[in-house]
Amino acid sequence: MVTQRKYGTEQLAADEARKFLDISQKLEKGGEVAHSDVIKARIQFEQQQRDLQEARLEMGKSRLELAVLLFPDFNENFNVVDDLQMPQALPQFVEAQAMAGRKNPDLRAAIASVQAASHEVTSAWGNLIPSASIDYFYGIDASHFATRQFDPIANVFVNNLGSSVVASVQVPIWHWGANLSKLKQADLRRTQARVELSFAQRQLLANLRTFYDEAETSRAELESLQQSAELASESLRLVSMRYQAGESTVLEVVDAQNTLTQARNAYADGQARYRLAIATLQTVTGSF
């Protein structure tokens, strides 16, 4: 996208150089300027043509690289939309900080690790304290699948349904230190998880502040870069008029042309920088 913008800038610069060459040639025919002005204008025109070819090459390379990233099979049948003129809004730092606390994957993973380590400690303590269990059974206790059956010896009907309760208590007395070792290991893992969580929180705050400051600075510079491009365009227009009136030199015109090209490219780079800063900030805050 930036290379496409710069290609457009070089096209405008080449048009300006061609117009200036035509003006200098006409003024030379009228005896108003020296032939050296035409030579300088020709040099500037040729340089702009070379810059235009280089910009076209860079734009083509960027398009090929984008095709490799976008499609599983190589395909150049796509269009690139220039949306750098519509910069995304930057939220307040407090809002960005809240989003980072809710959505940051590294922080959420560190919190989950602490929770898992805490459960491991609880499980390890379970091996050191007495445990009790109660089992209740209800059903048919007979050789036949029936709720009642006839006992020929006692000459009576016997009820096959019954229930029973089994209770047991386990008291750990000797475990060769294995359970204590497991508890110690679980406690150390929980401590390590807490340390990693603290580091993740500090690292998140540092990255958030760094990325936010980068986005805020690049956004603040956009207006200045845009004004510089507009002023450079106006400067070229005025210098060209003064040159045609015989009040400025060819070097001033060439300098104004180069300044305008640099200002436009700097503005495109500033827009791309702000877009990249927003994308980098969203790696810690999530989409906004």
Protein backbone atom coordinates (compact mmCIF):
# COMPACT_ATOMS: atom_id res chain seq x y z
CA MET A 1 0.00 0.00 0.00
CA VAL A 2 2.81 2.41 0.87
CA THR A 3 4.71 1.45 -2.26
CA GLN A 4 1.56 2.09 -4.28
CA ARG A 5 1.26 5.51 -2.67
CA LYS A 6 4.91 6.28 -3.38
CA TYR A 7 4.46 5.20 -6.98
CA GLY A 8 1.66 7.71 -7.30
CA THR A 9 3.92 10.37 -5.78
CA GLU A 10 6.65 9.59 -8.30
CA GLN A 11 4.11 9.84 -11.11
CA LEU A 12 3.18 13.33 -9.96
CA ALA A 13 6.84 14.25 -9.61
CA ALA A 14 7.55 13.01 -13.14
CA ASP A 15 4.66 15.10 -14.47
CA GLU A 16 5.99 18.16 -12.66
CA ALA A 17 9.47 17.55 -14.08
CA ARG A 18 8.05 17.19 -17.59
CA LYS A 19 6.06 20.42 -17.24
CA PHE A 20 9.09 22.24 -15.95
CA LEU A 21 11.17 20.95 -18.85
CA ASP A 22 8.57 22.25 -21.29
CA ILE A 23 8.52 25.63 -19.55
CA SER A 24 12.30 25.95 -19.59
CA GLN A 25 12.46 25.03 -23.26
CA LYS A 26 9.83 27.64 -24.13
CA LEU A 27 11.60 30.30 -22.09
CA GLU A 28 14.88 29.42 -23.78
CA LYS A 29 13.32 29.90 -27.20
CA GLY A 30 12.11 33.30 -26.05
CA GLY A 31 15.58 34.20 -24.87
CA GLU A 32 14.45 34.55 -21.25
CA VAL A 33 16.65 31.81 -19.70
CA ALA A 34 19.98 30.26 -20.49
CA HIS A 35 20.47 26.83 -22.03
CA SER A 36 21.90 25.66 -18.70
CA ASP A 37 18.39 25.86 -17.24
CA VAL A 38 17.14 23.48 -19.91
CA ILE A 39 20.01 21.11 -19.17
CA LYS A 40 19.19 21.17 -15.45
CA ALA A 41 15.50 20.61 -16.19
CA ARG A 42 16.40 17.70 -18.49
CA ILE A 43 18.58 16.15 -15.77
CA GLN A 44 15.76 16.52 -13.27
CA PHE A 45 13.28 14.98 -15.73
CA GLU A 46 15.52 11.96 -16.39
CA GLN A 47 16.08 11.46 -12.68
CA GLN A 48 12.35 11.48 -12.03
CA GLN A 49 11.84 8.93 -14.80
CA ARG A 50 14.38 6.62 -13.16
CA ASP A 51 12.74 7.13 -9.75
CA LEU A 52 9.39 6.32 -11.33
CA GLN A 53 10.73 3.04 -12.72
CA GLU A 54 12.20 2.12 -9.33
CA ALA A 55 8.90 2.93 -7.62
CA ARG A 56 7.04 0.74 -10.15
CA LEU A 57 9.47 -2.09 -9.45
CA GLU A 58 9.03 -1.79 -5.67
CA MET A 59 5.26 -1.73 -6.04
CA GLY A 60 5.37 -4.90 -8.14
CA LYS A 61 7.61 -6.66 -5.63
CA SER A 62 5.32 -5.71 -2.75
CA ARG A 63 2.33 -7.02 -4.65
CA LEU A 64 4.05 -10.36 -5.25
CA GLU A 65 5.03 -10.65 -1.59
CA LEU A 66 1.44 -9.93 -0.58
CA ALA A 67 0.17 -12.58 -2.99
CA VAL A 68 2.46 -15.14 -1.37
CA LEU A 69 1.10 -14.29 2.07
CA LEU A 70 -2.58 -14.18 1.13
CA PHE A 71 -3.20 -17.18 -1.12
CA PRO A 72 -2.24 -20.85 -0.73
CA ASP A 73 -1.86 -21.03 -4.49
CA PHE A 74 -0.03 -18.15 -6.14
CA ASN A 75 -2.64 -15.70 -7.42
CA GLU A 76 -2.28 -12.07 -8.47
CA ASN A 77 -5.96 -11.52 -9.16
CA PHE A 78 -6.65 -9.07 -6.33
CA ASN A 79 -6.84 -5.33 -5.72
CA VAL A 80 -5.23 -3.33 -2.94
CA VAL A 81 -7.40 -0.63 -1.39
CA ASP A 82 -5.61 2.45 -0.11
CA ASP A 83 -7.26 3.17 3.26
CA LEU A 84 -4.38 5.07 4.84
CA GLN A 85 -6.45 8.25 4.58
CA MET A 86 -8.86 6.80 7.17
CA PRO A 87 -6.72 6.22 10.28
CA GLN A 88 -8.20 4.12 13.05
CA ALA A 89 -9.11 5.95 16.26
CA LEU A 90 -6.80 5.47 19.23
CA PRO A 91 -8.61 4.72 22.53
CA GLN A 92 -7.71 6.35 25.80
CA PHE A 93 -4.85 4.73 27.72
CA VAL A 94 -7.17 3.68 30.56
CA GLU A 95 -9.41 1.87 28.06
CA ALA A 96 -6.41 0.22 26.41
CA GLN A 97 -5.14 -0.91 29.81
CA ALA A 98 -8.51 -2.44 30.68
CA MET A 99 -8.65 -4.28 27.34
CA ALA A 100 -5.13 -5.62 27.88
CA GLY A 101 -6.14 -6.97 31.29
CA ARG A 102 -9.11 -8.80 29.80
CA LYS A 103 -7.80 -10.03 26.45
CA ASN A 104 -4.02 -10.38 26.64
CA PRO A 105 -3.21 -14.07 25.98
CA ASP A 106 0.10 -14.07 27.87
CA LEU A 107 -1.50 -12.67 31.00
CA ARG A 108 -4.44 -15.07 30.82
CA ALA A 109 -2.06 -18.01 30.38
CA ALA A 110 -0.03 -16.89 33.42
CA ILE A 111 -3.20 -16.60 35.54
CA ALA A 112 -4.31 -20.08 34.45
CA SER A 113 -0.88 -21.46 35.39
CA VAL A 114 -1.22 -20.03 38.91
CA GLN A 115 -4.67 -21.56 39.27
CA ALA A 116 -3.47 -24.95 38.08
CA ALA A 117 -0.48 -24.85 40.44
CA SER A 118 -2.76 -23.97 43.37
CA HIS A 119 -4.93 -27.00 42.61
CA GLU A 120 -1.81 -29.18 42.55
CA VAL A 121 -0.91 -27.98 46.06
CA THR A 122 -4.41 -28.81 47.28
CA SER A 123 -4.16 -32.26 45.72
CA ALA A 124 -0.76 -32.85 47.35
CA TRP A 125 -2.16 -31.95 50.78
CA GLY A 126 -4.82 -34.60 50.23
CA ASN A 127 -2.14 -37.30 50.44
CA LEU A 128 -1.06 -36.16 53.93
CA ILE A 129 -4.36 -35.98 55.79
CA PRO A 130 -6.68 -38.86 56.76
CA SER A 131 -9.39 -39.66 54.28
CA ALA A 132 -12.76 -41.36 54.80
CA SER A 133 -15.13 -42.95 52.34
CA ILE A 134 -18.63 -44.38 52.57
CA ASP A 135 -20.16 -46.72 50.00
CA TYR A 136 -23.85 -47.58 49.95
CA PHE A 137 -25.21 -50.60 48.06
CA TYR A 138 -28.82 -51.49 47.31
CA GLY A 139 -30.11 -54.30 45.12
CA ILE A 140 -30.83 -58.01 44.79
CA ASP A 141 -28.73 -60.40 46.87
CA ALA A 142 -29.78 -63.80 45.51
CA SER A 143 -29.07 -66.36 42.87
CA HIS A 144 -32.29 -65.46 41.04
CA PHE A 145 -33.22 -62.15 39.44
CA ALA A 146 -36.36 -61.60 41.47
CA THR A 147 -37.46 -59.43 44.33
CA ARG A 148 -38.84 -62.52 46.18
CA GLN A 149 -38.23 -66.24 45.97
CA PHE A 150 -39.56 -69.34 47.76
CA ASP A 151 -37.29 -71.12 50.23
CA PRO A 152 -38.30 -74.81 50.15
CA ILE A 153 -36.35 -75.60 53.31
CA ALA A 154 -38.01 -72.96 55.46
CA ASN A 155 -41.19 -73.19 53.41
CA VAL A 156 -41.44 -69.39 53.28
CA PHE A 157 -40.95 -66.57 50.74
CA VAL A 158 -37.68 -64.70 51.15
CA ASN A 159 -37.20 -61.02 50.21
CA ASN A 160 -34.20 -60.68 47.88
CA LEU A 161 -33.97 -56.88 48.12
CA GLY A 162 -31.47 -55.44 50.57
CA SER A 163 -28.94 -52.70 51.24
CA SER A 164 -25.56 -52.38 52.87
CA VAL A 165 -23.17 -49.60 53.90
CA VAL A 166 -19.38 -49.89 53.89
CA ALA A 167 -17.29 -47.19 55.57
CA SER A 168 -13.50 -46.98 55.55
CA VAL A 169 -10.91 -44.61 56.99
CA GLN A 170 -7.34 -44.30 55.67
CA VAL A 171 -4.69 -42.71 57.85
CA PRO A 172 -1.30 -42.08 56.20
CA ILE A 173 1.34 -43.15 58.68
CA TRP A 174 4.44 -43.93 56.66
CA HIS A 175 5.07 -42.84 53.08
CA TRP A 176 8.88 -42.63 52.97
CA GLY A 177 8.71 -38.86 52.48
CA ALA A 178 7.18 -39.17 49.00
CA ASN A 179 4.03 -37.25 49.84
CA LEU A 180 5.98 -34.46 51.54
CA SER A 181 8.21 -34.24 48.47
CA LYS A 182 5.18 -33.97 46.19
CA LEU A 183 3.76 -31.22 48.39
CA LYS A 184 7.06 -29.33 48.29
CA GLN A 185 7.27 -29.63 44.50
CA ALA A 186 3.69 -28.43 44.08
CA ASP A 187 4.36 -25.47 46.36
CA LEU A 188 7.50 -24.56 44.41
CA ARG A 189 5.59 -24.75 41.12
CA ARG A 190 2.92 -22.46 42.56
CA THR A 191 5.59 -19.97 43.69
CA GLN A 192 7.20 -20.08 40.25
CA ALA A 193 3.81 -19.55 38.58
CA ARG A 194 3.18 -16.52 40.78
CA VAL A 195 6.60 -15.08 39.90
CA GLU A 196 5.90 -15.63 36.19
CA LEU A 197 2.50 -13.99 36.58
CA SER A 198 4.09 -10.96 38.24
CA PHE A 199 6.65 -10.73 35.45
CA ALA A 200 3.93 -11.09 32.81
CA GLN A 201 1.97 -8.26 34.42
CA ARG A 202 5.01 -5.96 34.54
CA GLN A 203 6.01 -6.86 30.98
CA LEU A 204 2.46 -6.24 29.80
CA LEU A 205 2.37 -2.78 31.39
CA ALA A 206 5.77 -1.92 29.89
CA ASN A 207 4.78 -3.11 26.41
CA LEU A 208 1.41 -1.41 26.67
CA ARG A 209 3.00 1.93 27.56
CA THR A 210 5.65 1.59 24.84
CA PHE A 211 3.20 0.59 22.11
CA TYR A 212 0.66 3.20 23.15
CA ASP A 213 3.26 5.99 23.19
CA GLU A 214 4.42 4.92 19.72
CA ALA A 215 0.86 5.03 18.39
CA GLU A 216 0.14 8.35 20.08
CA THR A 217 3.34 9.94 18.77
CA SER A 218 2.84 8.70 15.21
CA ARG A 219 -0.76 9.94 15.25
CA ALA A 220 0.35 13.38 16.47
CA GLU A 221 2.93 13.61 13.70
CA LEU A 222 0.41 12.85 10.93
CA GLU A 223 -1.06 16.33 10.97
CA SER A 224 2.39 17.91 10.82
CA LEU A 225 3.42 15.68 7.92
CA GLN A 226 0.24 16.51 6.04
CA GLN A 227 0.81 20.23 6.52
CA SER A 228 4.40 19.85 5.31
CA ALA A 229 3.18 18.13 2.14
CA GLU A 230 0.61 20.85 1.51
CA LEU A 231 3.18 23.60 2.13
CA ALA A 232 5.67 21.89 -0.18
CA SER A 233 3.03 21.73 -2.91
CA GLU A 234 2.24 25.42 -2.49
CA SER A 235 5.94 26.26 -2.44
CA LEU A 236 6.48 24.48 -5.77
CA ARG A 237 3.54 26.33 -7.30
CA LEU A 238 4.88 29.71 -6.18
CA VAL A 239 8.46 28.99 -7.19
CA SER A 240 7.30 27.84 -10.64
CA MET A 241 5.35 31.05 -11.09
CA ARG A 242 8.33 33.13 -9.99
CA TYR A 243 10.58 31.19 -12.38
CA GLN A 244 8.29 31.92 -15.31
CA ALA A 245 8.36 35.57 -14.26
CA GLY A 246 12.15 35.50 -14.14
CA GLU A 247 12.34 36.02 -10.37
CA SER A 248 13.76 32.62 -9.30
CA THR A 249 16.42 30.23 -10.51
CA VAL A 250 16.21 26.74 -11.90
CA LEU A 251 17.87 25.38 -8.78
CA GLU A 252 15.04 26.73 -6.63
CA VAL A 253 12.49 24.97 -8.81
CA VAL A 254 14.37 21.67 -8.70
CA ASP A 255 14.79 21.97 -4.94
CA ALA A 256 11.06 22.64 -4.53
CA GLN A 257 10.23 19.58 -6.66
CA ASN A 258 12.49 17.34 -4.58
CA THR A 259 11.12 18.79 -1.36
CA LEU A 260 7.56 18.05 -2.44
CA THR A 261 8.39 14.45 -3.34
CA GLN A 262 10.14 13.92 0.00
CA ALA A 263 7.26 15.50 1.92
CA ARG A 264 4.66 13.32 0.20
CA ASN A 265 6.69 10.16 0.80
CA ALA A 266 7.23 11.16 4.43
CA TYR A 267 3.48 11.61 4.85
CA ALA A 268 2.84 8.14 3.38
CA ASP A 269 5.48 6.65 5.68
CA GLY A 270 3.87 8.42 8.64
CA GLN A 271 0.46 6.96 7.81
CA ALA A 272 1.95 3.49 7.50
CA ARG A 273 3.82 3.96 10.78
CA TYR A 274 0.61 4.85 12.60
CA ARG A 275 -1.22 1.87 11.12
CA LEU A 276 1.65 -0.42 12.17
CA ALA A 277 1.67 1.09 15.67
CA ILE A 278 -2.06 0.39 16.03
CA ALA A 279 -1.56 -3.22 14.92
CA THR A 280 1.31 -3.65 17.37
CA LEU A 281 -0.77 -2.20 20.20
CA GLN A 282 -3.57 -4.63 19.43
CA THR A 283 -1.20 -7.56 20.04
CA VAL A 284 -1.52 -6.78 23.77
CA THR A 285 -5.01 -5.27 23.92
CA GLY A 286 -6.88 -7.30 21.32
CA SER A 287 -8.98 -5.71 18.59
CA PHE A 288 -10.66 -2.40 19.30
